[in-house]
């Protein structure tokens, strides 16, 4: 799929300057920037969908973990006393 982009002169100059520093082509730099943006936006949408599903599940069941319970659990991560995730409750 051939696509053309119109970019302003300042951005074009920046893109043209990077290849000599990175030993990559301008084309590679632009493709990499687009790839990273798309991956970031896909992840963001995945997190959004996960949050909506969690909210729907909470509204349906009322089961939850409090912020204090979550923080207490997370504070044990990486320690010798690392604990299992707290159980959800009403």
PDB file of N, CA and C in Angstrom:
ATOM      1  N   UNK A   1       0.846  -1.165   0.000  1.00  0.00           N
ATOM      2  CA  UNK A   1       0.000   0.000   0.000  1.00  0.00           C
ATOM      3  C   UNK A   1       0.900   1.240   0.000  1.00  0.00           C
ATOM      4  N   UNK A   2       0.845   1.996  -1.041  1.00  0.00           N
ATOM      5  CA  UNK A   2       1.638   3.227  -1.127  1.00  0.00           C
ATOM      6  C   UNK A   2       0.840   4.368  -0.508  1.00  0.00           C
ATOM      7  N   UNK A   3       1.482   5.108   0.358  1.00  0.00           N
ATOM      8  CA  UNK A   3       0.855   6.240   1.032  1.00  0.00           C
ATOM      9  C   UNK A   3       1.846   7.381   1.040  1.00  0.00           C
ATOM     10  N   UNK A   4       1.349   8.577   0.869  1.00  0.00           N
ATOM     11  CA  UNK A   4       2.239   9.734   0.961  1.00  0.00           C
ATOM     12  C   UNK A   4       1.827  10.574   2.158  1.00  0.00           C
ATOM     13  N   UNK A   5       2.814  11.229   2.733  1.00  0.00           N
ATOM     14  CA  UNK A   5       2.581  12.094   3.890  1.00  0.00           C
ATOM     15  C   UNK A   5       3.092  13.485   3.576  1.00  0.00           C
ATOM     16  N   UNK A   6       2.352  14.462   4.003  1.00  0.00           N
ATOM     17  CA  UNK A   6       2.817  15.840   3.888  1.00  0.00           C
ATOM     18  C   UNK A   6       3.199  16.302   5.285  1.00  0.00           C
ATOM     19  N   UNK A   7       4.466  16.642   5.460  1.00  0.00           N
ATOM     20  CA  UNK A   7       4.943  17.115   6.755  1.00  0.00           C
ATOM     21  C   UNK A   7       5.563  18.489   6.578  1.00  0.00           C
ATOM     22  N   UNK A   8       5.511  19.275   7.647  1.00  0.00           N
ATOM     23  CA  UNK A   8       6.053  20.625   7.548  1.00  0.00           C
ATOM     24  C   UNK A   8       7.581  20.578   7.455  1.00  0.00           C
ATOM     25  N   UNK A   9       8.151  21.694   7.025  1.00  0.00           N
ATOM     26  CA  UNK A   9       9.594  21.755   6.768  1.00  0.00           C
ATOM     27  C   UNK A   9      10.427  21.479   8.013  1.00  0.00           C
ATOM     28  N   UNK A  10       9.959  21.946   9.168  1.00  0.00           N
ATOM     29  CA  UNK A  10      10.728  21.739  10.401  1.00  0.00           C
ATOM     30  C   UNK A  10      10.816  20.254  10.737  1.00  0.00           C
ATOM     31  N   UNK A  11       9.687  19.541  10.659  1.00  0.00           N
ATOM     32  CA  UNK A  11       9.698  18.110  10.951  1.00  0.00           C
ATOM     33  C   UNK A  11      10.490  17.353   9.891  1.00  0.00           C
ATOM     34  N   UNK A  12      10.337  17.745   8.650  1.00  0.00           N
ATOM     35  CA  UNK A  12      11.083  17.108   7.565  1.00  0.00           C
ATOM     36  C   UNK A  12      12.585  17.235   7.806  1.00  0.00           C
ATOM     37  N   UNK A  13      13.016  18.407   8.221  1.00  0.00           N
ATOM     38  CA  UNK A  13      14.434  18.628   8.508  1.00  0.00           C
ATOM     39  C   UNK A  13      14.912  17.728   9.646  1.00  0.00           C
ATOM     40  N   UNK A  14      14.090  17.593  10.672  1.00  0.00           N
ATOM     41  CA  UNK A  14      14.449  16.735  11.795  1.00  0.00           C
ATOM     42  C   UNK A  14      14.562  15.281  11.356  1.00  0.00           C
ATOM     43  N   UNK A  15      13.609  14.825  10.543  1.00  0.00           N
ATOM     44  CA  UNK A  15      13.623  13.446  10.058  1.00  0.00           C
ATOM     45  C   UNK A  15      14.845  13.216   9.172  1.00  0.00           C
ATOM     46  N   UNK A  16      15.213  14.179   8.364  1.00  0.00           N
ATOM     47  CA  UNK A  16      16.369  14.034   7.486  1.00  0.00           C
ATOM     48  C   UNK A  16      17.685  14.072   8.247  1.00  0.00           C
ATOM     49  N   UNK A  17      17.694  14.686   9.415  1.00  0.00           N
ATOM     50  CA  UNK A  17      18.905  14.793  10.219  1.00  0.00           C
ATOM     51  C   UNK A  17      19.212  13.488  10.971  1.00  0.00           C
ATOM     52  N   UNK A  18      18.181  12.766  11.388  1.00  0.00           N
ATOM     53  CA  UNK A  18      18.375  11.557  12.186  1.00  0.00           C
ATOM     54  C   UNK A  18      19.114  10.415  11.488  1.00  0.00           C
ATOM     55  N   UNK A  19      18.865  10.151  10.221  1.00  0.00           N
ATOM     56  CA  UNK A  19      19.519   8.985   9.599  1.00  0.00           C
ATOM     57  C   UNK A  19      21.036   8.962   9.740  1.00  0.00           C
ATOM     58  N   UNK A  20      21.670  10.097   9.622  1.00  0.00           N
ATOM     59  CA  UNK A  20      23.132  10.098   9.744  1.00  0.00           C
ATOM     60  C   UNK A  20      23.565   9.771  11.172  1.00  0.00           C
ATOM     61  N   UNK A  21      22.758  10.135  12.151  1.00  0.00           N
ATOM     62  CA  UNK A  21      23.079   9.833  13.547  1.00  0.00           C
ATOM     63  C   UNK A  21      22.758   8.391  13.914  1.00  0.00           C
ATOM     64  N   UNK A  22      21.735   7.833  13.302  1.00  0.00           N
ATOM     65  CA  UNK A  22      21.258   6.494  13.655  1.00  0.00           C
ATOM     66  C   UNK A  22      21.668   5.410  12.659  1.00  0.00           C
ATOM     67  N   UNK A  23      22.314   5.823  11.578  1.00  0.00           N
ATOM     68  CA  UNK A  23      22.700   4.897  10.511  1.00  0.00           C
ATOM     69  C   UNK A  23      21.484   4.124   9.995  1.00  0.00           C
ATOM     70  N   UNK A  24      20.425   4.848   9.771  1.00  0.00           N
ATOM     71  CA  UNK A  24      19.179   4.323   9.219  1.00  0.00           C
ATOM     72  C   UNK A  24      18.729   5.282   8.132  1.00  0.00           C
ATOM     73  N   UNK A  25      17.800   4.825   7.301  1.00  0.00           N
ATOM     74  CA  UNK A  25      17.260   5.706   6.264  1.00  0.00           C
ATOM     75  C   UNK A  25      16.109   6.535   6.844  1.00  0.00           C
ATOM     76  N   UNK A  26      15.787   7.638   6.174  1.00  0.00           N
ATOM     77  CA  UNK A  26      14.627   8.445   6.576  1.00  0.00           C
ATOM     78  C   UNK A  26      13.374   7.593   6.530  1.00  0.00           C
ATOM     79  N   UNK A  27      13.277   6.743   5.526  1.00  0.00           N
ATOM     80  CA  UNK A  27      12.130   5.857   5.377  1.00  0.00           C
ATOM     81  C   UNK A  27      11.999   4.952   6.601  1.00  0.00           C
ATOM     82  N   UNK A  28      13.094   4.363   7.049  1.00  0.00           N
ATOM     83  CA  UNK A  28      13.063   3.482   8.216  1.00  0.00           C
ATOM     84  C   UNK A  28      12.616   4.260   9.442  1.00  0.00           C
ATOM     85  N   UNK A  29      13.134   5.474   9.620  1.00  0.00           N
ATOM     86  CA  UNK A  29      12.788   6.297  10.796  1.00  0.00           C
ATOM     87  C   UNK A  29      11.290   6.595  10.809  1.00  0.00           C
ATOM     88  N   UNK A  30      10.732   6.953   9.658  1.00  0.00           N
ATOM     89  CA  UNK A  30       9.309   7.261   9.606  1.00  0.00           C
ATOM     90  C   UNK A  30       8.462   6.012   9.853  1.00  0.00           C
ATOM     91  N   UNK A  31       8.856   4.883   9.263  1.00  0.00           N
ATOM     92  CA  UNK A  31       8.117   3.640   9.495  1.00  0.00           C
ATOM     93  C   UNK A  31       8.161   3.240  10.966  1.00  0.00           C
ATOM     94  N   UNK A  32       9.307   3.364  11.591  1.00  0.00           N
ATOM     95  CA  UNK A  32       9.456   3.017  12.999  1.00  0.00           C
ATOM     96  C   UNK A  32       8.594   3.924  13.874  1.00  0.00           C
ATOM     97  N   UNK A  33       8.557   5.195  13.560  1.00  0.00           N
ATOM     98  CA  UNK A  33       7.726   6.129  14.329  1.00  0.00           C
ATOM     99  C   UNK A  33       6.247   5.753  14.217  1.00  0.00           C
ATOM    100  N   UNK A  34       5.813   5.430  13.020  1.00  0.00           N
ATOM    101  CA  UNK A  34       4.413   5.037  12.816  1.00  0.00           C
ATOM    102  C   UNK A  34       4.124   3.718  13.529  1.00  0.00           C
ATOM    103  N   UNK A  35       5.037   2.751  13.423  1.00  0.00           N
ATOM    104  CA  UNK A  35       4.843   1.453  14.083  1.00  0.00           C
ATOM    105  C   UNK A  35       4.706   1.629  15.591  1.00  0.00           C
ATOM    106  N   UNK A  36       5.588   2.425  16.182  1.00  0.00           N
ATOM    107  CA  UNK A  36       5.536   2.640  17.630  1.00  0.00           C
ATOM    108  C   UNK A  36       4.243   3.342  18.041  1.00  0.00           C
ATOM    109  N   UNK A  37       3.814   4.319  17.257  1.00  0.00           N
ATOM    110  CA  UNK A  37       2.573   5.033  17.556  1.00  0.00           C
ATOM    111  C   UNK A  37       1.387   4.077  17.512  1.00  0.00           C
ATOM    112  N   UNK A  38       1.310   3.266  16.461  1.00  0.00           N
ATOM    113  CA  UNK A  38       0.185   2.330  16.311  1.00  0.00           C
ATOM    114  C   UNK A  38       0.182   1.327  17.460  1.00  0.00           C
ATOM    115  N   UNK A  39       1.336   0.785  17.827  1.00  0.00           N
ATOM    116  CA  UNK A  39       1.408  -0.162  18.940  1.00  0.00           C
ATOM    117  C   UNK A  39       0.961   0.488  20.244  1.00  0.00           C
ATOM    118  N   UNK A  40       1.393   1.724  20.478  1.00  0.00           N
ATOM    119  CA  UNK A  40       1.021   2.443  21.695  1.00  0.00           C
ATOM    120  C   UNK A  40      -0.491   2.678  21.750  1.00  0.00           C
ATOM    121  N   UNK A  41      -1.077   3.076  20.611  1.00  0.00           N
ATOM    122  CA  UNK A  41      -2.515   3.328  20.569  1.00  0.00           C
ATOM    123  C   UNK A  41      -3.325   2.041  20.691  1.00  0.00           C
ATOM    124  N   UNK A  42      -2.838   0.954  20.109  1.00  0.00           N
ATOM    125  CA  UNK A  42      -3.514  -0.332  20.261  1.00  0.00           C
ATOM    126  C   UNK A  42      -3.489  -0.778  21.726  1.00  0.00           C
ATOM    127  N   UNK A  43      -2.355  -0.604  22.390  1.00  0.00           N
ATOM    128  CA  UNK A  43      -2.255  -0.957  23.806  1.00  0.00           C
ATOM    129  C   UNK A  43      -3.190  -0.090  24.634  1.00  0.00           C
ATOM    130  N   UNK A  44      -3.224   1.200  24.340  1.00  0.00           N
ATOM    131  CA  UNK A  44      -4.107   2.119  25.063  1.00  0.00           C
ATOM    132  C   UNK A  44      -5.567   1.686  24.919  1.00  0.00           C
ATOM    133  N   UNK A  45      -5.963   1.306  23.709  1.00  0.00           N
ATOM    134  CA  UNK A  45      -7.343   0.855  23.492  1.00  0.00           C
ATOM    135  C   UNK A  45      -7.601  -0.461  24.220  1.00  0.00           C
ATOM    136  N   UNK A  46      -6.610  -1.344  24.252  1.00  0.00           N
ATOM    137  CA  UNK A  46      -6.743  -2.593  25.000  1.00  0.00           C
ATOM    138  C   UNK A  46      -6.953  -2.331  26.486  1.00  0.00           C
ATOM    139  N   UNK A  47      -6.184  -1.401  27.054  1.00  0.00           N
ATOM    140  CA  UNK A  47      -6.343  -1.045  28.463  1.00  0.00           C
ATOM    141  C   UNK A  47      -7.732  -0.451  28.713  1.00  0.00           C
ATOM    142  N   UNK A  48      -8.188   0.373  27.775  1.00  0.00           N
ATOM    143  CA  UNK A  48      -9.513   0.994  27.894  1.00  0.00           C
ATOM    144  C   UNK A  48     -10.601  -0.067  27.897  1.00  0.00           C
ATOM    145  N   UNK A  49     -10.509  -1.021  26.970  1.00  0.00           N
ATOM    146  CA  UNK A  49     -11.505  -2.091  26.901  1.00  0.00           C
ATOM    147  C   UNK A  49     -11.473  -2.953  28.168  1.00  0.00           C
ATOM    148  N   UNK A  50     -10.274  -3.214  28.677  1.00  0.00           N
ATOM    149  CA  UNK A  50     -10.141  -3.995  29.904  1.00  0.00           C
ATOM    150  C   UNK A  50     -10.782  -3.258  31.085  1.00  0.00           C
ATOM    151  N   UNK A  51     -10.572  -1.951  31.158  1.00  0.00           N
ATOM    152  CA  UNK A  51     -11.168  -1.157  32.234  1.00  0.00           C
ATOM    153  C   UNK A  51     -12.693  -1.153  32.132  1.00  0.00           C
ATOM    154  N   UNK A  52     -13.217  -1.018  30.919  1.00  0.00           N
ATOM    155  CA  UNK A  52     -14.671  -1.049  30.741  1.00  0.00           C
ATOM    156  C   UNK A  52     -15.254  -2.400  31.145  1.00  0.00           C
ATOM    157  N   UNK A  53     -14.567  -3.480  30.801  1.00  0.00           N
ATOM    158  CA  UNK A  53     -15.029  -4.815  31.182  1.00  0.00           C
ATOM    159  C   UNK A  53     -14.982  -4.992  32.702  1.00  0.00           C
ATOM    160  N   UNK A  54     -13.935  -4.493  33.337  1.00  0.00           N
ATOM    161  CA  UNK A  54     -13.822  -4.595  34.791  1.00  0.00           C
ATOM    162  C   UNK A  54     -14.929  -3.788  35.471  1.00  0.00           C
ATOM    163  N   UNK A  55     -15.212  -2.603  34.948  1.00  0.00           N
ATOM    164  CA  UNK A  55     -16.279  -1.769  35.508  1.00  0.00           C
ATOM    165  C   UNK A  55     -17.631  -2.468  35.359  1.00  0.00           C
ATOM    166  N   UNK A  56     -17.870  -3.063  34.208  1.00  0.00           N
ATOM    167  CA  UNK A  56     -19.131  -3.784  33.982  1.00  0.00           C
ATOM    168  C   UNK A  56     -19.250  -4.961  34.947  1.00  0.00           C
ATOM    169  N   UNK A  57     -18.142  -5.693  35.148  1.00  0.00           N
ATOM    170  CA  UNK A  57     -18.158  -6.825  36.073  1.00  0.00           C
ATOM    171  C   UNK A  57     -18.428  -6.351  37.496  1.00  0.00           C
ATOM    172  N   UNK A  58     -17.823  -5.234  37.884  1.00  0.00           N
ATOM    173  CA  UNK A  58     -18.056  -4.686  39.227  1.00  0.00           C
ATOM    174  C   UNK A  58     -19.518  -4.278  39.387  1.00  0.00           C
ATOM    175  N   UNK A  59     -20.071  -3.617  38.392  1.00  0.00           N
ATOM    176  CA  UNK A  59     -21.469  -3.192  38.475  1.00  0.00           C
ATOM    177  C   UNK A  59     -22.402  -4.394  38.581  1.00  0.00           C
ATOM    178  N   UNK A  60     -22.033  -5.483  37.927  1.00  0.00           N
ATOM    179  CA  UNK A  60     -22.871  -6.677  37.929  1.00  0.00           C
ATOM    180  C   UNK A  60     -22.760  -7.450  39.244  1.00  0.00           C
ATOM    181  N   UNK A  61     -21.542  -7.572  39.773  1.00  0.00           N
ATOM    182  CA  UNK A  61     -21.318  -8.436  40.939  1.00  0.00           C
ATOM    183  C   UNK A  61     -21.037  -7.685  42.231  1.00  0.00           C
ATOM    184  N   UNK A  62     -20.498  -6.481  42.141  1.00  0.00           N
ATOM    185  CA  UNK A  62     -20.111  -5.740  43.334  1.00  0.00           C
ATOM    186  C   UNK A  62     -18.811  -6.223  43.954  1.00  0.00           C
ATOM    187  N   UNK A  63     -18.206  -7.236  43.360  1.00  0.00           N
ATOM    188  CA  UNK A  63     -16.956  -7.782  43.912  1.00  0.00           C
ATOM    189  C   UNK A  63     -15.798  -6.839  43.580  1.00  0.00           C
ATOM    190  N   UNK A  64     -14.922  -6.627  44.569  1.00  0.00           N
ATOM    191  CA  UNK A  64     -13.836  -5.667  44.392  1.00  0.00           C
ATOM    192  C   UNK A  64     -12.711  -5.928  45.386  1.00  0.00           C
ATOM    193  N   UNK A  65     -11.627  -5.214  45.204  1.00  0.00           N
ATOM    194  CA  UNK A  65     -10.521  -5.128  46.152  1.00  0.00           C
ATOM    195  C   UNK A  65     -10.354  -3.642  46.424  1.00  0.00           C
ATOM    196  N   UNK A  66     -10.190  -3.266  47.668  1.00  0.00           N
ATOM    197  CA  UNK A  66     -10.025  -1.844  47.978  1.00  0.00           C
ATOM    198  C   UNK A  66      -8.644  -1.360  47.554  1.00  0.00           C
ATOM    199  N   UNK A  67      -8.513  -0.063  47.420  1.00  0.00           N
ATOM    200  CA  UNK A  67      -7.213   0.516  47.084  1.00  0.00           C
ATOM    201  C   UNK A  67      -6.174   0.183  48.136  1.00  0.00           C
ATOM    202  N   UNK A  68      -6.582   0.217  49.405  1.00  0.00           N
ATOM    203  CA  UNK A  68      -5.654  -0.098  50.495  1.00  0.00           C
ATOM    204  C   UNK A  68      -5.191  -1.548  50.406  1.00  0.00           C
ATOM    205  N   UNK A  69      -6.103  -2.463  50.090  1.00  0.00           N
ATOM    206  CA  UNK A  69      -5.736  -3.870  49.947  1.00  0.00           C
ATOM    207  C   UNK A  69      -4.766  -4.059  48.775  1.00  0.00           C
ATOM    208  N   UNK A  70      -5.039  -3.397  47.678  1.00  0.00           N
ATOM    209  CA  UNK A  70      -4.164  -3.504  46.507  1.00  0.00           C
ATOM    210  C   UNK A  70      -2.780  -2.944  46.816  1.00  0.00           C
ATOM    211  N   UNK A  71      -2.721  -1.761  47.469  1.00  0.00           N
ATOM    212  CA  UNK A  71      -1.423  -1.164  47.811  1.00  0.00           C
ATOM    213  C   UNK A  71      -0.629  -2.057  48.758  1.00  0.00           C
ATOM    214  N   UNK A  72      -1.313  -2.615  49.762  1.00  0.00           N
ATOM    215  CA  UNK A  72      -0.621  -3.500  50.715  1.00  0.00           C
ATOM    216  C   UNK A  72      -0.030  -4.696  49.992  1.00  0.00           C
ATOM    217  N   UNK A  73      -0.768  -5.252  49.046  1.00  0.00           N
ATOM    218  CA  UNK A  73      -0.278  -6.390  48.257  1.00  0.00           C
ATOM    219  C   UNK A  73       0.896  -5.963  47.383  1.00  0.00           C
ATOM    220  N   UNK A  74       0.729  -4.851  46.648  1.00  0.00           N
ATOM    221  CA  UNK A  74       1.794  -4.391  45.747  1.00  0.00           C
ATOM    222  C   UNK A  74       3.074  -4.044  46.496  1.00  0.00           C
ATOM    223  N   UNK A  75       2.943  -3.560  47.716  1.00  0.00           N
ATOM    224  CA  UNK A  75       4.129  -3.212  48.507  1.00  0.00           C
ATOM    225  C   UNK A  75       4.959  -4.429  48.877  1.00  0.00           C
ATOM    226  N   UNK A  76       4.386  -5.628  48.758  1.00  0.00           N
ATOM    227  CA  UNK A  76       5.154  -6.850  49.058  1.00  0.00           C
ATOM    228  C   UNK A  76       5.907  -7.382  47.845  1.00  0.00           C
ATOM    229  N   UNK A  77       5.600  -6.870  46.656  1.00  0.00           N
ATOM    230  CA  UNK A  77       6.257  -7.351  45.440  1.00  0.00           C
ATOM    231  C   UNK A  77       7.762  -7.162  45.544  1.00  0.00           C
ATOM    232  N   UNK A  78       8.510  -8.179  45.167  1.00  0.00           N
ATOM    233  CA  UNK A  78       9.961  -8.096  45.149  1.00  0.00           C
ATOM    234  C   UNK A  78      10.596  -8.234  46.518  1.00  0.00           C
ATOM    235  N   UNK A  79       9.794  -8.557  47.532  1.00  0.00           N
ATOM    236  CA  UNK A  79      10.344  -8.749  48.873  1.00  0.00           C
ATOM    237  C   UNK A  79      10.311 -10.237  49.212  1.00  0.00           C
ATOM    238  N   UNK A  80      10.964 -10.589  50.308  1.00  0.00           N
ATOM    239  CA  UNK A  80      10.936 -11.981  50.766  1.00  0.00           C
ATOM    240  C   UNK A  80       9.553 -12.385  51.269  1.00  0.00           C
ATOM    241  N   UNK A  81       8.729 -11.402  51.612  1.00  0.00           N
ATOM    242  CA  UNK A  81       7.378 -11.675  52.126  1.00  0.00           C
ATOM    243  C   UNK A  81       6.308 -11.386  51.065  1.00  0.00           C
ATOM    244  N   UNK A  82       6.630 -11.614  49.794  1.00  0.00           N
ATOM    245  CA  UNK A  82       5.661 -11.332  48.723  1.00  0.00           C
ATOM    246  C   UNK A  82       4.398 -12.157  48.942  1.00  0.00           C
ATOM    247  N   UNK A  83       3.249 -11.470  48.881  1.00  0.00           N
ATOM    248  CA  UNK A  83       1.975 -12.122  49.159  1.00  0.00           C
ATOM    249  C   UNK A  83       1.202 -12.377  47.869  1.00  0.00           C
ATOM    250  N   UNK A  84       0.256 -13.294  47.940  1.00  0.00           N
ATOM    251  CA  UNK A  84      -0.640 -13.569  46.802  1.00  0.00           C
ATOM    252  C   UNK A  84      -1.629 -12.408  46.687  1.00  0.00           C
ATOM    253  N   UNK A  85      -2.208 -12.263  45.514  1.00  0.00           N
ATOM    254  CA  UNK A  85      -3.195 -11.203  45.284  1.00  0.00           C
ATOM    255  C   UNK A  85      -4.353 -11.371  46.269  1.00  0.00           C
ATOM    256  N   UNK A  86      -4.883 -10.258  46.777  1.00  0.00           N
ATOM    257  CA  UNK A  86      -6.026 -10.359  47.688  1.00  0.00           C
ATOM    258  C   UNK A  86      -7.265 -10.865  46.955  1.00  0.00           C
ATOM    259  N   UNK A  87      -8.142 -11.513  47.704  1.00  0.00           N
ATOM    260  CA  UNK A  87      -9.389 -12.033  47.132  1.00  0.00           C
ATOM    261  C   UNK A  87     -10.393 -10.901  46.979  1.00  0.00           C
ATOM    262  N   UNK A  88     -11.156 -10.960  45.907  1.00  0.00           N
ATOM    263  CA  UNK A  88     -12.241  -9.995  45.720  1.00  0.00           C
ATOM    264  C   UNK A  88     -13.352 -10.297  46.712  1.00  0.00           C
ATOM    265  N   UNK A  89     -14.059  -9.258  47.138  1.00  0.00           N
ATOM    266  CA  UNK A  89     -15.166  -9.398  48.080  1.00  0.00           C
ATOM    267  C   UNK A  89     -16.206  -8.339  47.783  1.00  0.00           C
ATOM    268  N   UNK A  90     -17.345  -8.463  48.410  1.00  0.00           N
ATOM    269  CA  UNK A  90     -18.416  -7.484  48.226  1.00  0.00           C
ATOM    270  C   UNK A  90     -18.269  -6.355  49.219  1.00  0.00           C
TER     271      UNK A  90
END
